[in-house]
Amino acid sequence: MPQLNPGPWLLIMTMSWMTLLLIMQPKLLHFTPTNPMSNKTKTSPNPTPWTWPWT
């Protein structure tokens, strides 16, 4: 069964993961988010009661 032979794909998989973890991830972590977190406290809106016409 060819899928049990780790020779052709194991090296490619480990090299791609190492590239992602060691090279790409530190570069991606330097980006700042477009919407930074604010220090405001969340306030819930005060809902007005709904008057149903049939009650």
C-alpha atoms as a PDB file:
ATOM      1  CA  MET A   1       0.000   0.000   0.000  1.00  0.00           C
ATOM      2  CA  PRO A   2       1.648   3.244  -1.073  1.00  0.00           C
ATOM      3  CA  GLN A   3       0.029   5.415   1.627  1.00  0.00           C
ATOM      4  CA  LEU A   4       1.880   3.472   4.338  1.00  0.00           C
ATOM      5  CA  ASN A   5       5.247   4.369   2.879  1.00  0.00           C
ATOM      6  CA  PRO A   6       6.256   7.627   4.650  1.00  0.00           C
ATOM      7  CA  GLY A   7       9.231   8.255   2.375  1.00  0.00           C
ATOM      8  CA  PRO A   8       7.743  10.510  -0.306  1.00  0.00           C
ATOM      9  CA  TRP A   9       5.455  12.712   1.792  1.00  0.00           C
ATOM     10  CA  LEU A  10       6.864  12.778   5.344  1.00  0.00           C
ATOM     11  CA  LEU A  11       9.792  15.051   4.471  1.00  0.00           C
ATOM     12  CA  ILE A  12       7.557  17.396   2.461  1.00  0.00           C
ATOM     13  CA  MET A  13       5.025  17.606   5.294  1.00  0.00           C
ATOM     14  CA  THR A  14       7.623  18.287   7.997  1.00  0.00           C
ATOM     15  CA  MET A  15       9.444  20.883   5.898  1.00  0.00           C
ATOM     16  CA  SER A  16       6.213  22.726   5.128  1.00  0.00           C
ATOM     17  CA  TRP A  17       5.229  22.750   8.824  1.00  0.00           C
ATOM     18  CA  MET A  18       8.679  23.983   9.835  1.00  0.00           C
ATOM     19  CA  THR A  19       8.454  26.715   7.222  1.00  0.00           C
ATOM     20  CA  LEU A  20       5.084  27.748   8.550  1.00  0.00           C
ATOM     21  CA  LEU A  21       6.081  27.673  12.209  1.00  0.00           C
ATOM     22  CA  LEU A  22       9.560  29.173  12.014  1.00  0.00           C
ATOM     23  CA  ILE A  23       9.388  31.630   9.115  1.00  0.00           C
ATOM     24  CA  MET A  24       5.810  32.595   8.340  1.00  0.00           C
ATOM     25  CA  GLN A  25       4.278  32.740  11.816  1.00  0.00           C
ATOM     26  CA  PRO A  26       6.596  35.421  13.301  1.00  0.00           C
ATOM     27  CA  LYS A  27       6.039  37.569  10.218  1.00  0.00           C
ATOM     28  CA  LEU A  28       2.282  37.207  10.450  1.00  0.00           C
ATOM     29  CA  LEU A  29       2.223  38.042  14.157  1.00  0.00           C
ATOM     30  CA  HIS A  30       3.735  41.484  13.501  1.00  0.00           C
ATOM     31  CA  PHE A  31       0.620  42.687  11.704  1.00  0.00           C
ATOM     32  CA  THR A  32      -1.650  44.919  13.740  1.00  0.00           C
ATOM     33  CA  PRO A  33      -5.355  44.206  13.725  1.00  0.00           C
ATOM     34  CA  THR A  34      -7.547  46.584  11.748  1.00  0.00           C
ATOM     35  CA  ASN A  35      -9.954  47.074  14.657  1.00  0.00           C
ATOM     36  CA  PRO A  36      -7.967  47.303  17.880  1.00  0.00           C
ATOM     37  CA  MET A  37      -9.685  46.504  21.131  1.00  0.00           C
ATOM     38  CA  SER A  38     -11.142  49.452  22.994  1.00  0.00           C
ATOM     39  CA  ASN A  39     -11.205  50.000  26.736  1.00  0.00           C
ATOM     40  CA  LYS A  40     -14.846  51.059  26.762  1.00  0.00           C
ATOM     41  CA  THR A  41     -17.277  49.101  28.842  1.00  0.00           C
ATOM     42  CA  LYS A  42     -20.148  47.610  26.962  1.00  0.00           C
ATOM     43  CA  THR A  43     -23.509  49.041  27.827  1.00  0.00           C
ATOM     44  CA  SER A  44     -26.655  47.304  26.809  1.00  0.00           C
ATOM     45  CA  PRO A  45     -29.267  49.459  25.061  1.00  0.00           C
ATOM     46  CA  ASN A  46     -32.392  50.267  27.008  1.00  0.00           C
ATOM     47  CA  PRO A  47     -35.168  48.618  24.988  1.00  0.00           C
ATOM     48  CA  THR A  48     -38.513  50.314  24.764  1.00  0.00           C
ATOM     49  CA  PRO A  49     -41.541  48.070  25.264  1.00  0.00           C
ATOM     50  CA  TRP A  50     -43.427  47.120  22.177  1.00  0.00           C
ATOM     51  CA  THR A  51     -47.105  47.910  22.130  1.00  0.00           C
ATOM     52  CA  TRP A  52     -48.949  45.240  20.237  1.00  0.00           C
ATOM     53  CA  PRO A  53     -52.052  46.493  18.420  1.00  0.00           C
ATOM     54  CA  TRP A  54     -54.131  43.384  19.142  1.00  0.00           C
ATOM     55  CA  THR A  55     -53.670  43.251  22.927  1.00  0.00           C
END
